C-alpha atoms as a PDB file:
ATOM      1  CA  MET A   1     101.454  71.441 102.941  1.00  0.00           C
ATOM      2  CA  ALA A   2     102.130  71.041  99.271  1.00  0.00           C
ATOM      3  CA  ILE A   3     103.911  73.475  96.997  1.00  0.00           C
ATOM      4  CA  GLU A   4     101.326  75.338  94.908  1.00  0.00           C
ATOM      5  CA  ARG A   5     101.448  77.669  91.960  1.00  0.00           C
ATOM      6  CA  THR A   6      99.260  80.704  91.574  1.00  0.00           C
ATOM      7  CA  LEU A   7      98.932  83.758  89.394  1.00  0.00           C
ATOM      8  CA  THR A   8      99.025  87.352  90.458  1.00  0.00           C
ATOM      9  CA  ILE A   9      98.648  90.484  88.361  1.00  0.00           C
ATOM     10  CA  ILE A  10      99.857  93.907  89.347  1.00  0.00           C
ATOM     11  CA  LYS A  11      96.986  95.971  87.982  1.00  0.00           C
ATOM     12  CA  PRO A  12      97.212  99.176  85.884  1.00  0.00           C
ATOM     13  CA  ASP A  13      96.657 101.501  88.851  1.00  0.00           C
ATOM     14  CA  ALA A  14      99.607 100.143  90.830  1.00  0.00           C
ATOM     15  CA  ALA A  15     101.817  99.889  87.740  1.00  0.00           C
ATOM     16  CA  ALA A  16     101.087 103.502  86.728  1.00  0.00           C
ATOM     17  CA  ALA A  17     101.750 104.712  90.274  1.00  0.00           C
ATOM     18  CA  GLY A  18     105.218 103.119  90.293  1.00  0.00           C
ATOM     19  CA  HIS A  19     104.490 100.383  92.855  1.00  0.00           C
ATOM     20  CA  ILE A  20     105.657  97.360  90.839  1.00  0.00           C
ATOM     21  CA  GLY A  21     108.943  97.027  92.728  1.00  0.00           C
ATOM     22  CA  GLU A  22     107.344  97.423  96.155  1.00  0.00           C
ATOM     23  CA  ILE A  23     104.726  94.780  95.383  1.00  0.00           C
ATOM     24  CA  ILE A  24     107.342  92.351  94.050  1.00  0.00           C
ATOM     25  CA  ALA A  25     109.395  92.937  97.213  1.00  0.00           C
ATOM     26  CA  ALA A  26     106.340  92.173  99.392  1.00  0.00           C
ATOM     27  CA  LEU A  27     105.731  88.947  97.470  1.00  0.00           C
ATOM     28  CA  GLU A  28     109.350  87.836  97.828  1.00  0.00           C
ATOM     29  CA  GLN A  29     109.421  88.760 101.526  1.00  0.00           C
ATOM     30  CA  ALA A  30     106.347  86.550 101.975  1.00  0.00           C
ATOM     31  CA  GLY A  31     108.309  83.606 100.591  1.00  0.00           C
ATOM     32  CA  PHE A  32     107.005  83.513  97.035  1.00  0.00           C
ATOM     33  CA  ARG A  33     109.292  82.381  94.269  1.00  0.00           C
ATOM     34  CA  ILE A  34     108.649  84.167  90.975  1.00  0.00           C
ATOM     35  CA  LEU A  35     108.657  81.536  88.231  1.00  0.00           C
ATOM     36  CA  ALA A  36     107.733  83.863  85.367  1.00  0.00           C
ATOM     37  CA  MET A  37     106.861  87.518  84.927  1.00  0.00           C
ATOM     38  CA  LYS A  38     106.052  89.869  82.057  1.00  0.00           C
ATOM     39  CA  LYS A  39     104.685  93.334  81.457  1.00  0.00           C
ATOM     40  CA  VAL A  40     101.804  93.458  78.976  1.00  0.00           C
ATOM     41  CA  HIS A  41      99.092  95.849  77.840  1.00  0.00           C
ATOM     42  CA  LEU A  42      95.920  93.779  77.528  1.00  0.00           C
ATOM     43  CA  THR A  43      93.567  94.257  74.603  1.00  0.00           C
ATOM     44  CA  ARG A  44      89.835  94.387  75.236  1.00  0.00           C
ATOM     45  CA  ALA A  45      89.463  90.851  73.851  1.00  0.00           C
ATOM     46  CA  GLN A  46      92.225  89.542  76.125  1.00  0.00           C
ATOM     47  CA  ALA A  47      90.726  91.179  79.227  1.00  0.00           C
ATOM     48  CA  GLU A  48      87.279  89.849  78.341  1.00  0.00           C
ATOM     49  CA  GLY A  49      88.749  86.363  77.899  1.00  0.00           C
ATOM     50  CA  PHE A  50      90.618  86.481  81.186  1.00  0.00           C
ATOM     51  CA  TYR A  51      87.585  87.711  83.148  1.00  0.00           C
ATOM     52  CA  HIS A  52      85.053  85.585  81.233  1.00  0.00           C
ATOM     53  CA  VAL A  53      83.640  84.168  84.491  1.00  0.00           C
ATOM     54  CA  HIS A  54      82.344  87.660  85.325  1.00  0.00           C
ATOM     55  CA  ARG A  55      80.623  88.258  81.973  1.00  0.00           C
ATOM     56  CA  GLY A  56      77.080  89.492  82.598  1.00  0.00           C
ATOM     57  CA  LYS A  57      77.862  90.892  86.045  1.00  0.00           C
ATOM     58  CA  PHE A  58      77.298  94.599  86.640  1.00  0.00           C
ATOM     59  CA  PHE A  59      81.017  95.340  86.988  1.00  0.00           C
ATOM     60  CA  PHE A  60      82.281  93.392  83.944  1.00  0.00           C
ATOM     61  CA  ASP A  61      82.521  96.312  81.483  1.00  0.00           C
ATOM     62  CA  SER A  62      84.204  98.670  83.938  1.00  0.00           C
ATOM     63  CA  LEU A  63      86.640  95.918  84.982  1.00  0.00           C
ATOM     64  CA  VAL A  64      87.597  95.240  81.358  1.00  0.00           C
ATOM     65  CA  LYS A  65      88.000  98.981  80.694  1.00  0.00           C
ATOM     66  CA  PHE A  66      90.194  99.364  83.785  1.00  0.00           C
ATOM     67  CA  MET A  67      92.383  96.349  82.994  1.00  0.00           C
ATOM     68  CA  THR A  68      93.069  97.684  79.483  1.00  0.00           C
ATOM     69  CA  GLU A  69      93.930 101.260  80.452  1.00  0.00           C
ATOM     70  CA  GLY A  70      97.624 100.574  80.932  1.00  0.00           C
ATOM     71  CA  PRO A  71     100.250  97.865  81.364  1.00  0.00           C
ATOM     72  CA  VAL A  72      99.809  95.048  83.874  1.00  0.00           C
ATOM     73  CA  VAL A  73     102.412  92.685  85.328  1.00  0.00           C
ATOM     74  CA  PRO A  74     101.274  89.054  85.543  1.00  0.00           C
ATOM     75  CA  MET A  75     103.485  86.716  87.563  1.00  0.00           C
ATOM     76  CA  ALA A  76     103.528  82.983  88.137  1.00  0.00           C
ATOM     77  CA  LEU A  77     104.282  82.404  91.806  1.00  0.00           C
ATOM     78  CA  GLU A  78     105.169  79.312  93.818  1.00  0.00           C
ATOM     79  CA  ARG A  79     105.375  78.403  97.509  1.00  0.00           C
ATOM     80  CA  GLU A  80     103.633  76.225 100.073  1.00  0.00           C
ATOM     81  CA  ASP A  81      99.936  77.113 100.328  1.00  0.00           C
ATOM     82  CA  ALA A  82     100.459  79.789  97.660  1.00  0.00           C
ATOM     83  CA  ILE A  83      96.811  80.562  96.903  1.00  0.00           C
ATOM     84  CA  ALA A  84      95.663  81.170 100.483  1.00  0.00           C
ATOM     85  CA  THR A  85      98.898  82.949 101.395  1.00  0.00           C
ATOM     86  CA  LEU A  86      98.611  85.326  98.441  1.00  0.00           C
ATOM     87  CA  ARG A  87      94.935  86.044  99.189  1.00  0.00           C
ATOM     88  CA  LYS A  88      95.881  86.964 102.766  1.00  0.00           C
ATOM     89  CA  LEU A  89      98.819  89.114 101.648  1.00  0.00           C
ATOM     90  CA  MET A  90      96.599  90.963  99.136  1.00  0.00           C
ATOM     91  CA  GLY A  91      93.884  91.733 101.696  1.00  0.00           C
ATOM     92  CA  ASP A  92      90.192  92.409 101.170  1.00  0.00           C
ATOM     93  CA  THR A  93      88.991  93.441  97.702  1.00  0.00           C
ATOM     94  CA  ASN A  94      87.966  96.764  99.242  1.00  0.00           C
ATOM     95  CA  PRO A  95      91.186  98.501 100.345  1.00  0.00           C
ATOM     96  CA  GLU A  96      89.263 100.291 103.122  1.00  0.00           C
ATOM     97  CA  LYS A  97      88.497  96.892 104.696  1.00  0.00           C
ATOM     98  CA  ALA A  98      91.903  95.330 103.986  1.00  0.00           C
ATOM     99  CA  PRO A  99      94.198  94.653 106.952  1.00  0.00           C
ATOM    100  CA  GLU A 100      96.933  97.125 107.764  1.00  0.00           C
ATOM    101  CA  GLY A 101     100.049  96.396 105.723  1.00  0.00           C
ATOM    102  CA  SER A 102      98.278  94.278 103.100  1.00  0.00           C
ATOM    103  CA  ILE A 103      99.006  95.078  99.459  1.00  0.00           C
ATOM    104  CA  ARG A 104      95.513  96.389  98.769  1.00  0.00           C
ATOM    105  CA  GLN A 105      95.498  98.521 101.912  1.00  0.00           C
ATOM    106  CA  ARG A 106      98.873 100.007 100.968  1.00  0.00           C
ATOM    107  CA  PHE A 107      98.373 100.510  97.230  1.00  0.00           C
ATOM    108  CA  GLY A 108      94.660 100.215  96.369  1.00  0.00           C
ATOM    109  CA  SER A 109      92.217 103.114  96.200  1.00  0.00           C
ATOM    110  CA  SER A 110      88.829 101.417  95.608  1.00  0.00           C
ATOM    111  CA  ILE A 111      87.176  98.033  95.161  1.00  0.00           C
ATOM    112  CA  GLU A 112      87.992  98.124  91.445  1.00  0.00           C
ATOM    113  CA  ARG A 113      91.325  99.936  91.628  1.00  0.00           C
ATOM    114  CA  ASN A 114      92.797  97.615  94.221  1.00  0.00           C
ATOM    115  CA  ALA A 115      96.339  97.173  92.879  1.00  0.00           C
ATOM    116  CA  ILE A 116      96.535  93.386  92.556  1.00  0.00           C
ATOM    117  CA  HIS A 117      94.743  90.255  91.387  1.00  0.00           C
ATOM    118  CA  GLY A 118      95.261  86.754  92.711  1.00  0.00           C
ATOM    119  CA  SER A 119      93.835  83.372  91.790  1.00  0.00           C
ATOM    120  CA  ASP A 120      91.162  82.171  94.207  1.00  0.00           C
ATOM    121  CA  ALA A 121      91.355  78.375  93.779  1.00  0.00           C
ATOM    122  CA  PRO A 122      93.607  75.698  92.259  1.00  0.00           C
ATOM    123  CA  GLU A 123      91.371  75.365  89.178  1.00  0.00           C
ATOM    124  CA  THR A 124      91.340  79.123  88.672  1.00  0.00           C
ATOM    125  CA  ALA A 125      95.115  79.280  89.106  1.00  0.00           C
ATOM    126  CA  ALA A 126      95.608  76.589  86.452  1.00  0.00           C
ATOM    127  CA  PHE A 127      93.462  78.501  83.928  1.00  0.00           C
ATOM    128  CA  GLU A 128      95.008  81.876  84.762  1.00  0.00           C
ATOM    129  CA  LEU A 129      98.603  80.638  84.631  1.00  0.00           C
ATOM    130  CA  GLY A 130      97.905  79.052  81.249  1.00  0.00           C
ATOM    131  CA  PHE A 131      96.312  82.269  80.008  1.00  0.00           C
ATOM    132  CA  PHE A 132      99.515  84.277  80.479  1.00  0.00           C
ATOM    133  CA  PHE A 133     102.331  81.705  80.380  1.00  0.00           C
ATOM    134  CA  ALA A 134     103.269  78.763  78.179  1.00  0.00           C
ATOM    135  CA  LYS A 135     104.272  75.573  80.017  1.00  0.00           C
ATOM    136  CA  MET A 136     107.904  76.024  78.997  1.00  0.00           C
ATOM    137  CA  GLU A 137     107.943  79.481  80.653  1.00  0.00           C
ATOM    138  CA  LEU A 138     107.089  77.901  83.979  1.00  0.00           C
END
């Protein structure tokens, strides 16, 4: 398997609840190397730009509102099979359906407030990494 890069974001709910360190520890224990990381408070325009693929969907406005309510922690991650491995580690979007021990099961409280975001495909990862990080940061 090839080394891949992916993006994850610790969402405002997990950041506000003080779970940043625990989530970073889970990522590192799963073999991810953190290439870049920052703490930012997204503006409405930034959140709308990041989630542009969901524009027009019923949840778009509430997602944008949620992602702008407090700081988030985007991270560029690297490891073999990074995208699939991160998706498995995060667990189902709905924390109630997420496997025991997954990040969303441990730290999420609802489908929207589910603690963490992760890229879902190589093309998505490329866009998302470029959204938050300049090439020289990676």
